[in-house]
Amino acid sequence: MKYKLGFITLMILSCLATKAQEKTDFEKLYNVIEVFKTAFVDSTKEQQFYDLFLHDSITWASVYEGKTKEHLKNKDNYQSSFSSTFKNFYTWIKKDGNYKESFYNIIINKENNHATISFDYTFEKKGDIQNWGKEYWTLLKVEEDWKIASVLWTMNYQNIEQCPFTNNSYYRE
């Protein structure tokens, strides 16, 4: 009986330790989001932004959706997707300035050393929404840090199709 009680106690402690580790991982994943958002508007945090990524050549791509896609199809040189690098993107927002990305309806899924983060977003310049859509990040846990391995998003231009979710109270940043 004494050994059974010790074994049961050990199992409970093991389960609690696992749950504590998961909470730590979720806190770290939320921190990735916070560092991304902060570095987005504060160019002194450029290196912190770069440190979020697994390596320099992750997938960084977007597709147009909805009325924006239909509108752009009629233009010369139309391309249904956009691809670049996070470094080119950061250089562009830093140079042009006054950009902000807001996140809504964040969903984090984590399994062992792999996680996905998805959310609705708005991309704003000087407080005005330029485009909006859905964004998807894939992350890998490398040692004790979570690194972004890919960033994919949909894009809808606000001047063509109004963002449907920023006025809904159940969405929040």
Protein backbone atom coordinates (compact mmCIF):
# COMPACT_ATOMS: atom_id res chain seq x y z
CA MET A 1 0.00 0.00 0.00
CA LYS A 2 2.87 2.34 0.91
CA TYR A 3 4.47 1.80 -2.53
CA LYS A 4 1.15 2.32 -4.35
CA LEU A 5 0.61 5.63 -2.55
CA GLY A 6 4.14 6.74 -3.44
CA PHE A 7 3.61 5.75 -7.08
CA ILE A 8 0.28 7.61 -7.23
CA THR A 9 1.87 10.70 -5.68
CA LEU A 10 4.70 10.53 -8.21
CA MET A 11 2.21 10.26 -11.11
CA ILE A 12 0.20 13.25 -9.86
CA LEU A 13 3.35 15.35 -9.51
CA SER A 14 4.43 14.31 -13.00
CA CYS A 15 1.07 15.38 -14.45
CA LEU A 16 1.24 18.70 -12.61
CA ALA A 17 4.75 19.32 -13.92
CA THR A 18 3.56 18.62 -17.47
CA LYS A 19 0.65 21.05 -17.06
CA ALA A 20 3.01 23.69 -15.66
CA GLN A 21 5.28 23.22 -18.70
CA GLU A 22 2.32 23.64 -21.06
CA LYS A 23 1.36 26.87 -19.35
CA THR A 24 4.92 28.08 -19.72
CA ASP A 25 4.85 27.20 -23.42
CA PHE A 26 1.57 29.10 -23.91
CA GLU A 27 3.03 32.08 -22.08
CA LYS A 28 6.06 31.92 -24.37
CA LEU A 29 3.82 31.72 -27.45
CA TYR A 30 1.86 34.77 -26.31
CA ASN A 31 5.20 36.51 -25.74
CA VAL A 32 6.13 35.86 -29.40
CA ILE A 33 2.95 37.72 -30.37
CA GLU A 34 3.75 40.60 -28.01
CA VAL A 35 7.34 40.95 -29.23
CA PHE A 36 6.11 40.90 -32.86
CA LYS A 37 3.53 43.64 -32.16
CA THR A 38 5.94 45.79 -30.15
CA ALA A 39 8.81 45.51 -32.64
CA PHE A 40 6.35 46.32 -35.41
CA VAL A 41 5.91 49.87 -34.11
CA ASP A 42 9.29 50.36 -32.39
CA SER A 43 12.21 50.19 -34.82
CA THR A 44 14.69 50.01 -31.93
CA LYS A 45 13.47 46.42 -31.46
CA GLU A 46 14.54 45.28 -34.94
CA GLN A 47 16.87 42.55 -33.65
CA GLN A 48 14.17 41.25 -31.29
CA PHE A 49 11.86 41.01 -34.31
CA TYR A 50 14.47 39.09 -36.32
CA ASP A 51 15.13 36.76 -33.39
CA LEU A 52 11.51 35.56 -33.53
CA PHE A 53 12.15 33.63 -36.75
CA LEU A 54 13.60 30.17 -37.30
CA HIS A 55 15.89 31.36 -40.12
CA ASP A 56 16.11 34.10 -42.75
CA SER A 57 14.25 32.25 -45.51
CA ILE A 58 10.98 31.22 -43.86
CA THR A 59 7.81 31.27 -45.96
CA TRP A 60 6.36 34.80 -45.87
CA ALA A 61 3.43 34.87 -48.28
CA SER A 62 -0.07 36.18 -48.84
CA VAL A 63 -3.04 35.65 -51.16
CA TYR A 64 -5.74 38.14 -52.08
CA GLU A 65 -9.32 37.30 -51.21
CA GLY A 66 -12.90 38.34 -51.79
CA LYS A 67 -13.74 41.58 -53.55
CA THR A 68 -10.07 42.62 -53.48
CA LYS A 69 -9.10 39.57 -55.53
CA GLU A 70 -11.95 40.17 -58.00
CA HIS A 71 -10.96 43.84 -58.36
CA LEU A 72 -7.27 43.12 -58.86
CA LYS A 73 -7.88 40.40 -61.45
CA ASN A 74 -8.78 43.15 -63.91
CA LYS A 75 -5.43 44.92 -63.49
CA ASP A 76 -2.35 44.47 -65.64
CA ASN A 77 0.36 42.32 -64.06
CA TYR A 78 -2.12 40.76 -61.61
CA GLN A 79 -0.64 38.12 -59.35
CA SER A 80 -2.88 36.18 -57.00
CA SER A 81 -0.21 35.90 -54.33
CA PHE A 82 2.57 37.90 -52.77
CA SER A 83 5.81 36.56 -51.33
CA SER A 84 8.75 38.26 -49.67
CA THR A 85 10.90 37.96 -46.55
CA PHE A 86 10.30 39.18 -43.03
CA LYS A 87 13.47 41.29 -43.28
CA ASN A 88 12.26 43.05 -46.44
CA PHE A 89 8.92 43.62 -44.75
CA TYR A 90 10.52 45.06 -41.61
CA THR A 91 12.78 47.35 -43.63
CA TRP A 92 9.71 48.62 -45.50
CA ILE A 93 7.58 49.32 -42.40
CA LYS A 94 10.55 50.91 -40.62
CA LYS A 95 11.32 53.18 -43.60
CA ASP A 96 7.73 54.21 -44.26
CA GLY A 97 6.76 54.32 -40.56
CA ASN A 98 3.52 54.71 -38.63
CA TYR A 99 2.28 51.16 -39.20
CA LYS A 100 0.51 48.94 -36.73
CA GLU A 101 -0.93 45.46 -36.92
CA SER A 102 -3.82 44.59 -34.61
CA PHE A 103 -4.69 40.99 -33.74
CA TYR A 104 -8.22 39.71 -33.08
CA ASN A 105 -9.63 36.31 -32.13
CA ILE A 106 -6.23 34.71 -31.44
CA ILE A 107 -6.19 30.90 -31.46
CA ILE A 108 -3.10 28.98 -30.31
CA ASN A 109 -2.75 25.25 -30.88
CA LYS A 110 0.27 23.49 -29.41
CA GLU A 111 1.37 19.91 -29.60
CA ASN A 112 4.77 19.02 -28.18
CA ASN A 113 7.34 21.14 -30.07
CA HIS A 114 4.99 22.39 -32.80
CA ALA A 115 2.44 25.18 -32.57
CA THR A 116 0.17 27.21 -34.79
CA ILE A 117 -1.19 30.66 -34.11
CA SER A 118 -4.05 32.05 -36.16
CA PHE A 119 -5.91 35.31 -35.84
CA ASP A 120 -7.86 37.97 -37.69
CA TYR A 121 -5.75 41.06 -38.30
CA THR A 122 -5.90 44.64 -39.45
CA PHE A 123 -2.87 46.40 -40.93
CA GLU A 124 -3.05 50.12 -40.25
CA LYS A 125 -1.14 53.20 -41.26
CA LYS A 126 -1.58 56.25 -39.03
CA GLY A 127 -4.69 54.63 -37.53
CA ASP A 128 -6.39 53.91 -40.85
CA ILE A 129 -6.94 50.29 -41.87
CA GLN A 130 -5.10 49.58 -45.13
CA ASN A 131 -5.90 45.85 -45.36
CA TRP A 132 -7.24 43.04 -43.22
CA GLY A 133 -7.68 39.29 -43.25
CA LYS A 134 -6.66 36.09 -41.54
CA GLU A 135 -3.06 35.32 -40.55
CA TYR A 136 -1.47 31.95 -39.80
CA TRP A 137 1.88 31.33 -38.12
CA THR A 138 3.61 27.98 -37.75
CA LEU A 139 6.14 27.76 -34.91
CA LEU A 140 8.70 25.22 -33.77
CA LYS A 141 10.16 24.93 -30.32
CA VAL A 142 13.94 25.09 -30.63
CA GLU A 143 15.53 24.26 -27.29
CA GLU A 144 13.39 26.44 -24.99
CA ASP A 145 12.38 29.15 -27.50
CA TRP A 146 9.48 29.24 -29.94
CA LYS A 147 10.53 30.29 -33.46
CA ILE A 148 8.23 31.31 -36.31
CA ALA A 149 8.77 28.91 -39.24
CA SER A 150 6.16 30.39 -41.61
CA VAL A 151 3.78 33.33 -41.90
CA LEU A 152 0.83 33.12 -44.28
CA TRP A 153 -2.04 35.57 -44.56
CA THR A 154 -5.02 36.57 -46.63
CA MET A 155 -5.38 40.15 -47.77
CA ASN A 156 -8.44 42.29 -48.37
CA TYR A 157 -8.01 45.99 -49.18
CA GLN A 158 -10.10 48.20 -46.91
CA ASN A 159 -10.84 50.68 -49.73
CA ILE A 160 -12.45 47.84 -51.72
CA GLU A 161 -14.10 45.80 -48.96
CA GLN A 162 -14.68 47.02 -45.39
CA CYS A 163 -13.27 44.96 -42.54
CA PRO A 164 -16.22 43.03 -41.05
CA PHE A 165 -14.82 42.26 -37.61
CA THR A 166 -13.35 45.39 -36.02
CA ASN A 167 -16.73 46.66 -34.80
CA ASN A 168 -17.85 43.33 -33.33
CA SER A 169 -17.47 43.22 -29.55
CA TYR A 170 -16.54 39.53 -29.41
CA TYR A 171 -13.32 40.22 -31.29
CA ARG A 172 -10.62 41.79 -29.24
CA GLU A 173 -6.97 42.59 -29.46
